[in-house]
Amino acid sequence: MIYCFDLDGTLCDISSGWNKQCYDKSYPKTQRIQKVNSLYDKGNKIIIETARGSVSGKDWHQVTEDQLKNWGVKYHVLRTGTKHAADHYIDDKAINASEFFENE
């Protein structure tokens, strides 16, 4: 299966609010990351997708890649500045995020 996870508000939060210039102050939701890593370990394809930079035009890719590495997130593809279709999409703005992580 292919799982596509939104980042901000789903796998991490921003300590100073939703200010688009504060992505570097994000902090991980560790229980959710553990679930993502479990899916990865079971052979699923993991895509991390974020709209970071889609409005501002700023390239957040390296900052985001470094964060994911520091947080121990296992993934196959990181896409910044855009979002794409997948078999499953877990997003903080959809009911599915709460349902998917309901046991955290």
PDB file of N, CA and C in Angstrom:
ATOM      1  N   MET A   1       0.831  -1.177   0.000  1.00  0.00           N
ATOM      2  CA  MET A   1       0.000   0.000   0.000  1.00  0.00           C
ATOM      3  C   MET A   1       0.881   1.247   0.000  1.00  0.00           C
ATOM      4  N   ILE A   2       0.333   2.300  -0.532  1.00  0.00           N
ATOM      5  CA  ILE A   2       0.991   3.598  -0.508  1.00  0.00           C
ATOM      6  C   ILE A   2       0.249   4.470   0.504  1.00  0.00           C
ATOM      7  N   TYR A   3       0.990   4.982   1.459  1.00  0.00           N
ATOM      8  CA  TYR A   3       0.435   5.906   2.450  1.00  0.00           C
ATOM      9  C   TYR A   3       1.069   7.273   2.235  1.00  0.00           C
ATOM     10  N   CYS A   4       0.236   8.276   2.117  1.00  0.00           N
ATOM     11  CA  CYS A   4       0.713   9.642   1.936  1.00  0.00           C
ATOM     12  C   CYS A   4       0.290  10.450   3.160  1.00  0.00           C
ATOM     13  N   PHE A   5       1.266  10.956   3.899  1.00  0.00           N
ATOM     14  CA  PHE A   5       1.001  11.691   5.126  1.00  0.00           C
ATOM     15  C   PHE A   5       1.301  13.172   4.959  1.00  0.00           C
ATOM     16  N   ASP A   6       0.355  13.980   5.356  1.00  0.00           N
ATOM     17  CA  ASP A   6       0.597  15.407   5.512  1.00  0.00           C
ATOM     18  C   ASP A   6       1.573  15.559   6.671  1.00  0.00           C
ATOM     19  N   LEU A   7       2.275  16.670   6.747  1.00  0.00           N
ATOM     20  CA  LEU A   7       3.274  16.844   7.793  1.00  0.00           C
ATOM     21  C   LEU A   7       2.770  17.731   8.936  1.00  0.00           C
ATOM     22  N   ASP A   8       2.597  19.016   8.667  1.00  0.00           N
ATOM     23  CA  ASP A   8       2.250  19.970   9.719  1.00  0.00           C
ATOM     24  C   ASP A   8       0.820  19.757  10.205  1.00  0.00           C
ATOM     25  N   GLY A   9       0.687  19.572  11.516  1.00  0.00           N
ATOM     26  CA  GLY A   9      -0.616  19.314  12.105  1.00  0.00           C
ATOM     27  C   GLY A   9      -0.986  17.844  12.097  1.00  0.00           C
ATOM     28  N   THR A  10      -0.205  17.021  11.405  1.00  0.00           N
ATOM     29  CA  THR A  10      -0.472  15.585  11.340  1.00  0.00           C
ATOM     30  C   THR A  10       0.664  14.803  11.983  1.00  0.00           C
ATOM     31  N   LEU A  11       1.898  14.997  11.521  1.00  0.00           N
ATOM     32  CA  LEU A  11       3.049  14.307  12.100  1.00  0.00           C
ATOM     33  C   LEU A  11       3.905  15.227  12.971  1.00  0.00           C
ATOM     34  N   CYS A  12       3.622  16.526  12.907  1.00  0.00           N
ATOM     35  CA  CYS A  12       4.328  17.480  13.749  1.00  0.00           C
ATOM     36  C   CYS A  12       3.445  18.701  13.967  1.00  0.00           C
ATOM     37  N   ASP A  13       3.865  19.532  14.905  1.00  0.00           N
ATOM     38  CA  ASP A  13       3.189  20.802  15.162  1.00  0.00           C
ATOM     39  C   ASP A  13       4.229  21.909  15.155  1.00  0.00           C
ATOM     40  N   ILE A  14       3.761  23.125  15.033  1.00  0.00           N
ATOM     41  CA  ILE A  14       4.634  24.293  15.053  1.00  0.00           C
ATOM     42  C   ILE A  14       4.394  25.008  16.370  1.00  0.00           C
ATOM     43  N   SER A  15       5.444  25.181  17.168  1.00  0.00           N
ATOM     44  CA  SER A  15       5.291  25.714  18.518  1.00  0.00           C
ATOM     45  C   SER A  15       4.762  27.136  18.549  1.00  0.00           C
ATOM     46  N   SER A  16       5.029  27.934  17.535  1.00  0.00           N
ATOM     47  CA  SER A  16       4.616  29.334  17.558  1.00  0.00           C
ATOM     48  C   SER A  16       3.376  29.598  16.715  1.00  0.00           C
ATOM     49  N   GLY A  17       2.630  28.575  16.374  1.00  0.00           N
ATOM     50  CA  GLY A  17       1.414  28.760  15.583  1.00  0.00           C
ATOM     51  C   GLY A  17       1.648  28.483  14.120  1.00  0.00           C
ATOM     52  N   TRP A  18       0.665  28.764  13.331  1.00  0.00           N
ATOM     53  CA  TRP A  18       0.706  28.433  11.908  1.00  0.00           C
ATOM     54  C   TRP A  18       1.341  29.532  11.071  1.00  0.00           C
ATOM     55  N   ASN A  19       2.380  30.155  11.584  1.00  0.00           N
ATOM     56  CA  ASN A  19       3.136  31.141  10.832  1.00  0.00           C
ATOM     57  C   ASN A  19       4.025  30.396   9.845  1.00  0.00           C
ATOM     58  N   LYS A  20       3.825  30.617   8.572  1.00  0.00           N
ATOM     59  CA  LYS A  20       4.535  29.870   7.536  1.00  0.00           C
ATOM     60  C   LYS A  20       6.050  30.049   7.607  1.00  0.00           C
ATOM     61  N   GLN A  21       6.523  31.069   8.308  1.00  0.00           N
ATOM     62  CA  GLN A  21       7.955  31.286   8.410  1.00  0.00           C
ATOM     63  C   GLN A  21       8.573  30.553   9.603  1.00  0.00           C
ATOM     64  N   CYS A  22       7.795  29.792  10.343  1.00  0.00           N
ATOM     65  CA  CYS A  22       8.288  29.133  11.554  1.00  0.00           C
ATOM     66  C   CYS A  22       8.337  27.616  11.435  1.00  0.00           C
ATOM     67  N   TYR A  23       8.407  27.083  10.249  1.00  0.00           N
ATOM     68  CA  TYR A  23       8.469  25.632  10.093  1.00  0.00           C
ATOM     69  C   TYR A  23       9.681  25.029  10.796  1.00  0.00           C
ATOM     70  N   ASP A  24      10.765  25.784  10.884  1.00  0.00           N
ATOM     71  CA  ASP A  24      11.972  25.268  11.525  1.00  0.00           C
ATOM     72  C   ASP A  24      11.790  25.096  13.030  1.00  0.00           C
ATOM     73  N   LYS A  25      10.694  25.580  13.585  1.00  0.00           N
ATOM     74  CA  LYS A  25      10.411  25.417  15.010  1.00  0.00           C
ATOM     75  C   LYS A  25       9.400  24.297  15.266  1.00  0.00           C
ATOM     76  N   SER A  26       9.153  23.488  14.266  1.00  0.00           N
ATOM     77  CA  SER A  26       8.215  22.374  14.404  1.00  0.00           C
ATOM     78  C   SER A  26       8.732  21.345  15.389  1.00  0.00           C
ATOM     79  N   TYR A  27       7.815  20.620  16.017  1.00  0.00           N
ATOM     80  CA  TYR A  27       8.199  19.537  16.913  1.00  0.00           C
ATOM     81  C   TYR A  27       7.354  18.309  16.586  1.00  0.00           C
ATOM     82  N   PRO A  28       7.936  17.108  16.747  1.00  0.00           N
ATOM     83  CA  PRO A  28       7.296  15.876  16.274  1.00  0.00           C
ATOM     84  C   PRO A  28       6.170  15.391  17.186  1.00  0.00           C
ATOM     85  N   LYS A  29       5.216  14.695  16.574  1.00  0.00           N
ATOM     86  CA  LYS A  29       4.193  13.935  17.296  1.00  0.00           C
ATOM     87  C   LYS A  29       4.707  12.493  17.293  1.00  0.00           C
ATOM     88  N   THR A  30       5.445  12.141  18.331  1.00  0.00           N
ATOM     89  CA  THR A  30       6.228  10.904  18.323  1.00  0.00           C
ATOM     90  C   THR A  30       5.387   9.636  18.201  1.00  0.00           C
ATOM     91  N   GLN A  31       4.230   9.578  18.810  1.00  0.00           N
ATOM     92  CA  GLN A  31       3.405   8.366  18.697  1.00  0.00           C
ATOM     93  C   GLN A  31       2.919   8.178  17.265  1.00  0.00           C
ATOM     94  N   ARG A  32       2.598   9.262  16.607  1.00  0.00           N
ATOM     95  CA  ARG A  32       2.170   9.165  15.210  1.00  0.00           C
ATOM     96  C   ARG A  32       3.329   8.733  14.329  1.00  0.00           C
ATOM     97  N   ILE A  33       4.506   9.256  14.600  1.00  0.00           N
ATOM     98  CA  ILE A  33       5.691   8.867  13.829  1.00  0.00           C
ATOM     99  C   ILE A  33       5.985   7.386  14.031  1.00  0.00           C
ATOM    100  N   GLN A  34       5.808   6.879  15.226  1.00  0.00           N
ATOM    101  CA  GLN A  34       6.003   5.445  15.481  1.00  0.00           C
ATOM    102  C   GLN A  34       5.055   4.609  14.626  1.00  0.00           C
ATOM    103  N   LYS A  35       3.816   5.066  14.472  1.00  0.00           N
ATOM    104  CA  LYS A  35       2.849   4.329  13.647  1.00  0.00           C
ATOM    105  C   LYS A  35       3.269   4.364  12.180  1.00  0.00           C
ATOM    106  N   VAL A  36       3.726   5.510  11.712  1.00  0.00           N
ATOM    107  CA  VAL A  36       4.215   5.624  10.332  1.00  0.00           C
ATOM    108  C   VAL A  36       5.403   4.692  10.133  1.00  0.00           C
ATOM    109  N   ASN A  37       6.337   4.683  11.082  1.00  0.00           N
ATOM    110  CA  ASN A  37       7.516   3.821  10.978  1.00  0.00           C
ATOM    111  C   ASN A  37       7.125   2.346  10.961  1.00  0.00           C
ATOM    112  N   SER A  38       6.094   1.999  11.708  1.00  0.00           N
ATOM    113  CA  SER A  38       5.602   0.618  11.712  1.00  0.00           C
ATOM    114  C   SER A  38       5.061   0.234  10.338  1.00  0.00           C
ATOM    115  N   LEU A  39       4.333   1.137   9.719  1.00  0.00           N
ATOM    116  CA  LEU A  39       3.825   0.883   8.361  1.00  0.00           C
ATOM    117  C   LEU A  39       4.994   0.703   7.386  1.00  0.00           C
ATOM    118  N   TYR A  40       6.001   1.537   7.509  1.00  0.00           N
ATOM    119  CA  TYR A  40       7.205   1.444   6.677  1.00  0.00           C
ATOM    120  C   TYR A  40       7.872   0.078   6.865  1.00  0.00           C
ATOM    121  N   ASP A  41       8.041  -0.321   8.138  1.00  0.00           N
ATOM    122  CA  ASP A  41       8.700  -1.587   8.450  1.00  0.00           C
ATOM    123  C   ASP A  41       7.930  -2.791   7.915  1.00  0.00           C
ATOM    124  N   LYS A  42       6.640  -2.652   7.715  1.00  0.00           N
ATOM    125  CA  LYS A  42       5.806  -3.725   7.177  1.00  0.00           C
ATOM    126  C   LYS A  42       5.808  -3.755   5.651  1.00  0.00           C
ATOM    127  N   GLY A  43       6.618  -2.883   5.032  1.00  0.00           N
ATOM    128  CA  GLY A  43       6.764  -2.910   3.580  1.00  0.00           C
ATOM    129  C   GLY A  43       5.892  -1.948   2.808  1.00  0.00           C
ATOM    130  N   ASN A  44       5.184  -1.081   3.491  1.00  0.00           N
ATOM    131  CA  ASN A  44       4.360  -0.090   2.805  1.00  0.00           C
ATOM    132  C   ASN A  44       5.223   1.064   2.315  1.00  0.00           C
ATOM    133  N   LYS A  45       4.798   1.704   1.252  1.00  0.00           N
ATOM    134  CA  LYS A  45       5.488   2.890   0.746  1.00  0.00           C
ATOM    135  C   LYS A  45       4.956   4.096   1.499  1.00  0.00           C
ATOM    136  N   ILE A  46       5.869   4.909   2.026  1.00  0.00           N
ATOM    137  CA  ILE A  46       5.503   6.080   2.810  1.00  0.00           C
ATOM    138  C   ILE A  46       5.929   7.340   2.063  1.00  0.00           C
ATOM    139  N   ILE A  47       4.958   8.201   1.829  1.00  0.00           N
ATOM    140  CA  ILE A  47       5.205   9.502   1.206  1.00  0.00           C
ATOM    141  C   ILE A  47       4.868  10.564   2.249  1.00  0.00           C
ATOM    142  N   ILE A  48       5.779  11.484   2.461  1.00  0.00           N
ATOM    143  CA  ILE A  48       5.526  12.635   3.311  1.00  0.00           C
ATOM    144  C   ILE A  48       5.339  13.818   2.372  1.00  0.00           C
ATOM    145  N   GLU A  49       4.212  14.460   2.528  1.00  0.00           N
ATOM    146  CA  GLU A  49       3.870  15.540   1.601  1.00  0.00           C
ATOM    147  C   GLU A  49       3.450  16.769   2.404  1.00  0.00           C
ATOM    148  N   THR A  50       3.991  17.903   2.028  1.00  0.00           N
ATOM    149  CA  THR A  50       3.666  19.137   2.720  1.00  0.00           C
ATOM    150  C   THR A  50       3.550  20.286   1.738  1.00  0.00           C
ATOM    151  N   ALA A  51       2.668  21.192   2.061  1.00  0.00           N
ATOM    152  CA  ALA A  51       2.496  22.385   1.225  1.00  0.00           C
ATOM    153  C   ALA A  51       3.486  23.480   1.614  1.00  0.00           C
ATOM    154  N   ARG A  52       4.417  23.180   2.503  1.00  0.00           N
ATOM    155  CA  ARG A  52       5.417  24.176   2.912  1.00  0.00           C
ATOM    156  C   ARG A  52       6.038  24.837   1.690  1.00  0.00           C
ATOM    157  N   GLY A  53       5.940  26.145   1.625  1.00  0.00           N
ATOM    158  CA  GLY A  53       6.530  26.904   0.523  1.00  0.00           C
ATOM    159  C   GLY A  53       5.621  27.082  -0.676  1.00  0.00           C
ATOM    160  N   SER A  54       4.477  26.435  -0.698  1.00  0.00           N
ATOM    161  CA  SER A  54       3.603  26.545  -1.875  1.00  0.00           C
ATOM    162  C   SER A  54       3.022  27.944  -2.037  1.00  0.00           C
ATOM    163  N   VAL A  55       2.864  28.676  -0.950  1.00  0.00           N
ATOM    164  CA  VAL A  55       2.349  30.043  -1.035  1.00  0.00           C
ATOM    165  C   VAL A  55       3.493  31.054  -1.064  1.00  0.00           C
ATOM    166  N   SER A  56       4.465  30.867  -0.162  1.00  0.00           N
ATOM    167  CA  SER A  56       5.561  31.837  -0.046  1.00  0.00           C
ATOM    168  C   SER A  56       6.603  31.712  -1.154  1.00  0.00           C
ATOM    169  N   GLY A  57       6.706  30.513  -1.740  1.00  0.00           N
ATOM    170  CA  GLY A  57       7.735  30.275  -2.739  1.00  0.00           C
ATOM    171  C   GLY A  57       9.086  29.912  -2.133  1.00  0.00           C
ATOM    172  N   LYS A  58       9.176  29.931  -0.802  1.00  0.00           N
ATOM    173  CA  LYS A  58      10.429  29.580  -0.129  1.00  0.00           C
ATOM    174  C   LYS A  58      10.628  28.065  -0.192  1.00  0.00           C
ATOM    175  N   ASP A  59      11.855  27.656  -0.414  1.00  0.00           N
ATOM    176  CA  ASP A  59      12.181  26.238  -0.488  1.00  0.00           C
ATOM    177  C   ASP A  59      12.451  25.692   0.912  1.00  0.00           C
ATOM    178  N   TRP A  60      11.527  24.884   1.431  1.00  0.00           N
ATOM    179  CA  TRP A  60      11.638  24.307   2.772  1.00  0.00           C
ATOM    180  C   TRP A  60      12.110  22.853   2.722  1.00  0.00           C
ATOM    181  N   HIS A  61      12.513  22.378   1.572  1.00  0.00           N
ATOM    182  CA  HIS A  61      12.827  20.962   1.424  1.00  0.00           C
ATOM    183  C   HIS A  61      13.961  20.510   2.365  1.00  0.00           C
ATOM    184  N   GLN A  62      15.079  21.197   2.366  1.00  0.00           N
ATOM    185  CA  GLN A  62      16.220  20.754   3.180  1.00  0.00           C
ATOM    186  C   GLN A  62      15.905  20.832   4.670  1.00  0.00           C
ATOM    187  N   VAL A  63      15.249  21.898   5.099  1.00  0.00           N
ATOM    188  CA  VAL A  63      14.857  22.017   6.515  1.00  0.00           C
ATOM    189  C   VAL A  63      13.962  20.848   6.897  1.00  0.00           C
ATOM    190  N   THR A  64      13.001  20.545   6.036  1.00  0.00           N
ATOM    191  CA  THR A  64      12.053  19.465   6.303  1.00  0.00           C
ATOM    192  C   THR A  64      12.761  18.112   6.304  1.00  0.00           C
ATOM    193  N   GLU A  65      13.626  17.890   5.348  1.00  0.00           N
ATOM    194  CA  GLU A  65      14.387  16.631   5.285  1.00  0.00           C
ATOM    195  C   GLU A  65      15.226  16.438   6.550  1.00  0.00           C
ATOM    196  N   ASP A  66      15.867  17.502   6.999  1.00  0.00           N
ATOM    197  CA  ASP A  66      16.674  17.433   8.221  1.00  0.00           C
ATOM    198  C   ASP A  66      15.803  17.132   9.441  1.00  0.00           C
ATOM    199  N   GLN A  67      14.628  17.753   9.516  1.00  0.00           N
ATOM    200  CA  GLN A  67      13.714  17.491  10.628  1.00  0.00           C
ATOM    201  C   GLN A  67      13.296  16.030  10.654  1.00  0.00           C
ATOM    202  N   LEU A  68      12.888  15.503   9.523  1.00  0.00           N
ATOM    203  CA  LEU A  68      12.439  14.115   9.459  1.00  0.00           C
ATOM    204  C   LEU A  68      13.556  13.163   9.894  1.00  0.00           C
ATOM    205  N   LYS A  69      14.762  13.455   9.471  1.00  0.00           N
ATOM    206  CA  LYS A  69      15.910  12.632   9.875  1.00  0.00           C
ATOM    207  C   LYS A  69      16.110  12.709  11.389  1.00  0.00           C
ATOM    208  N   ASN A  70      16.092  13.911  11.935  1.00  0.00           N
ATOM    209  CA  ASN A  70      16.290  14.092  13.378  1.00  0.00           C
ATOM    210  C   ASN A  70      15.181  13.439  14.196  1.00  0.00           C
ATOM    211  N   TRP A  71      13.977  13.406  13.659  1.00  0.00           N
ATOM    212  CA  TRP A  71      12.830  12.816  14.356  1.00  0.00           C
ATOM    213  C   TRP A  71      12.751  11.304  14.151  1.00  0.00           C
ATOM    214  N   GLY A  72      13.582  10.757  13.272  1.00  0.00           N
ATOM    215  CA  GLY A  72      13.597   9.319  13.025  1.00  0.00           C
ATOM    216  C   GLY A  72      12.450   8.827  12.164  1.00  0.00           C
ATOM    217  N   VAL A  73      11.910   9.691  11.316  1.00  0.00           N
ATOM    218  CA  VAL A  73      10.794   9.301  10.453  1.00  0.00           C
ATOM    219  C   VAL A  73      11.316   8.472   9.285  1.00  0.00           C
ATOM    220  N   LYS A  74      10.712   7.312   9.079  1.00  0.00           N
ATOM    221  CA  LYS A  74      11.062   6.451   7.952  1.00  0.00           C
ATOM    222  C   LYS A  74      10.102   6.754   6.806  1.00  0.00           C
ATOM    223  N   TYR A  75      10.651   7.025   5.637  1.00  0.00           N
ATOM    224  CA  TYR A  75       9.819   7.349   4.490  1.00  0.00           C
ATOM    225  C   TYR A  75      10.585   7.050   3.207  1.00  0.00           C
ATOM    226  N   HIS A  76       9.854   7.009   2.114  1.00  0.00           N
ATOM    227  CA  HIS A  76      10.464   6.768   0.808  1.00  0.00           C
ATOM    228  C   HIS A  76      10.582   8.052  -0.007  1.00  0.00           C
ATOM    229  N   VAL A  77       9.560   8.908   0.090  1.00  0.00           N
ATOM    230  CA  VAL A  77       9.506  10.108  -0.738  1.00  0.00           C
ATOM    231  C   VAL A  77       9.099  11.286   0.135  1.00  0.00           C
ATOM    232  N   LEU A  78       9.781  12.413  -0.045  1.00  0.00           N
ATOM    233  CA  LEU A  78       9.399  13.674   0.579  1.00  0.00           C
ATOM    234  C   LEU A  78       9.071  14.660  -0.523  1.00  0.00           C
ATOM    235  N   ARG A  79       7.876  15.221  -0.461  1.00  0.00           N
ATOM    236  CA  ARG A  79       7.470  16.236  -1.438  1.00  0.00           C
ATOM    237  C   ARG A  79       7.089  17.501  -0.683  1.00  0.00           C
ATOM    238  N   THR A  80       7.749  18.582  -1.021  1.00  0.00           N
ATOM    239  CA  THR A  80       7.438  19.865  -0.399  1.00  0.00           C
ATOM    240  C   THR A  80       6.868  20.816  -1.440  1.00  0.00           C
ATOM    241  N   GLY A  81       5.976  21.684  -0.985  1.00  0.00           N
ATOM    242  CA  GLY A  81       5.397  22.691  -1.871  1.00  0.00           C
ATOM    243  C   GLY A  81       4.260  22.180  -2.736  1.00  0.00           C
ATOM    244  N   THR A  82       3.824  20.932  -2.518  1.00  0.00           N
ATOM    245  CA  THR A  82       2.763  20.351  -3.336  1.00  0.00           C
ATOM    246  C   THR A  82       2.141  19.164  -2.609  1.00  0.00           C
ATOM    247  N   LYS A  83       0.996  18.732  -3.084  1.00  0.00           N
ATOM    248  CA  LYS A  83       0.365  17.518  -2.561  1.00  0.00           C
ATOM    249  C   LYS A  83      -0.169  16.710  -3.743  1.00  0.00           C
ATOM    250  N   HIS A  84      -0.110  15.354  -3.628  1.00  0.00           N
ATOM    251  CA  HIS A  84      -0.537  14.461  -4.700  1.00  0.00           C
ATOM    252  C   HIS A  84      -1.493  13.399  -4.177  1.00  0.00           C
ATOM    253  N   ALA A  85      -2.050  12.619  -5.083  1.00  0.00           N
ATOM    254  CA  ALA A  85      -2.978  11.548  -4.717  1.00  0.00           C
ATOM    255  C   ALA A  85      -2.232  10.314  -4.219  1.00  0.00           C
ATOM    256  N   ALA A  86      -2.909   9.506  -3.392  1.00  0.00           N
ATOM    257  CA  ALA A  86      -2.364   8.251  -2.888  1.00  0.00           C
ATOM    258  C   ALA A  86      -3.525   7.338  -2.525  1.00  0.00           C
ATOM    259  N   ASP A  87      -3.229   6.092  -2.211  1.00  0.00           N
ATOM    260  CA  ASP A  87      -4.277   5.173  -1.771  1.00  0.00           C
ATOM    261  C   ASP A  87      -4.904   5.636  -0.463  1.00  0.00           C
ATOM    262  N   HIS A  88      -4.073   6.157   0.423  1.00  0.00           N
ATOM    263  CA  HIS A  88      -4.535   6.685   1.703  1.00  0.00           C
ATOM    264  C   HIS A  88      -3.915   8.050   1.888  1.00  0.00           C
ATOM    265  N   TYR A  89      -4.703   9.002   2.350  1.00  0.00           N
ATOM    266  CA  TYR A  89      -4.171  10.332   2.617  1.00  0.00           C
ATOM    267  C   TYR A  89      -4.607  10.739   4.015  1.00  0.00           C
ATOM    268  N   ILE A  90      -3.657  10.942   4.904  1.00  0.00           N
ATOM    269  CA  ILE A  90      -3.949  11.298   6.278  1.00  0.00           C
ATOM    270  C   ILE A  90      -3.550  12.749   6.469  1.00  0.00           C
ATOM    271  N   ASP A  91      -4.524  13.585   6.820  1.00  0.00           N
ATOM    272  CA  ASP A  91      -4.316  15.026   6.845  1.00  0.00           C
ATOM    273  C   ASP A  91      -5.022  15.618   8.060  1.00  0.00           C
ATOM    274  N   ASP A  92      -4.424  16.666   8.656  1.00  0.00           N
ATOM    275  CA  ASP A  92      -5.031  17.301   9.817  1.00  0.00           C
ATOM    276  C   ASP A  92      -6.348  18.005   9.492  1.00  0.00           C
ATOM    277  N   LYS A  93      -6.621  18.270   8.239  1.00  0.00           N
ATOM    278  CA  LYS A  93      -7.850  18.957   7.859  1.00  0.00           C
ATOM    279  C   LYS A  93      -8.936  18.000   7.402  1.00  0.00           C
ATOM    280  N   ALA A  94      -8.706  16.728   7.585  1.00  0.00           N
ATOM    281  CA  ALA A  94      -9.692  15.710   7.223  1.00  0.00           C
ATOM    282  C   ALA A  94     -10.033  14.889   8.457  1.00  0.00           C
ATOM    283  N   ILE A  95     -11.190  14.328   8.492  1.00  0.00           N
ATOM    284  CA  ILE A  95     -11.597  13.472   9.604  1.00  0.00           C
ATOM    285  C   ILE A  95     -10.650  12.286   9.726  1.00  0.00           C
ATOM    286  N   ASN A  96     -10.126  11.831   8.645  1.00  0.00           N
ATOM    287  CA  ASN A  96      -9.294  10.633   8.664  1.00  0.00           C
ATOM    288  C   ASN A  96      -8.079  10.744   9.584  1.00  0.00           C
ATOM    289  N   ALA A  97      -7.505  11.916   9.776  1.00  0.00           N
ATOM    290  CA  ALA A  97      -6.337  12.033  10.644  1.00  0.00           C
ATOM    291  C   ALA A  97      -6.683  11.642  12.065  1.00  0.00           C
ATOM    292  N   SER A  98      -7.797  12.121  12.567  1.00  0.00           N
ATOM    293  CA  SER A  98      -8.207  11.771  13.928  1.00  0.00           C
ATOM    294  C   SER A  98      -8.552  10.301  14.040  1.00  0.00           C
ATOM    295  N   GLU A  99      -9.257   9.774  13.051  1.00  0.00           N
ATOM    296  CA  GLU A  99      -9.622   8.362  13.065  1.00  0.00           C
ATOM    297  C   GLU A  99      -8.396   7.479  12.965  1.00  0.00           C
ATOM    298  N   PHE A 100      -7.483   7.835  12.080  1.00  0.00           N
ATOM    299  CA  PHE A 100      -6.299   7.019  11.858  1.00  0.00           C
ATOM    300  C   PHE A 100      -5.426   6.934  13.108  1.00  0.00           C
ATOM    301  N   PHE A 101      -5.320   8.041  13.828  1.00  0.00           N
ATOM    302  CA  PHE A 101      -4.461   8.096  15.007  1.00  0.00           C
ATOM    303  C   PHE A 101      -5.259   8.106  16.308  1.00  0.00           C
ATOM    304  N   GLU A 102      -6.458   7.542  16.303  1.00  0.00           N
ATOM    305  CA  GLU A 102      -7.341   7.658  17.456  1.00  0.00           C
ATOM    306  C   GLU A 102      -6.797   7.014  18.723  1.00  0.00           C
ATOM    307  N   ASN A 103      -5.887   6.089  18.646  1.00  0.00           N
ATOM    308  CA  ASN A 103      -5.367   5.403  19.829  1.00  0.00           C
ATOM    309  C   ASN A 103      -4.052   5.982  20.337  1.00  0.00           C
ATOM    310  N   GLU A 104      -3.671   7.164  19.898  1.00  0.00           N
ATOM    311  CA  GLU A 104      -2.372   7.735  20.326  1.00  0.00           C
ATOM    312  C   GLU A 104      -2.377   8.186  21.746  1.00  0.00           C
TER     313      GLU A 104
END
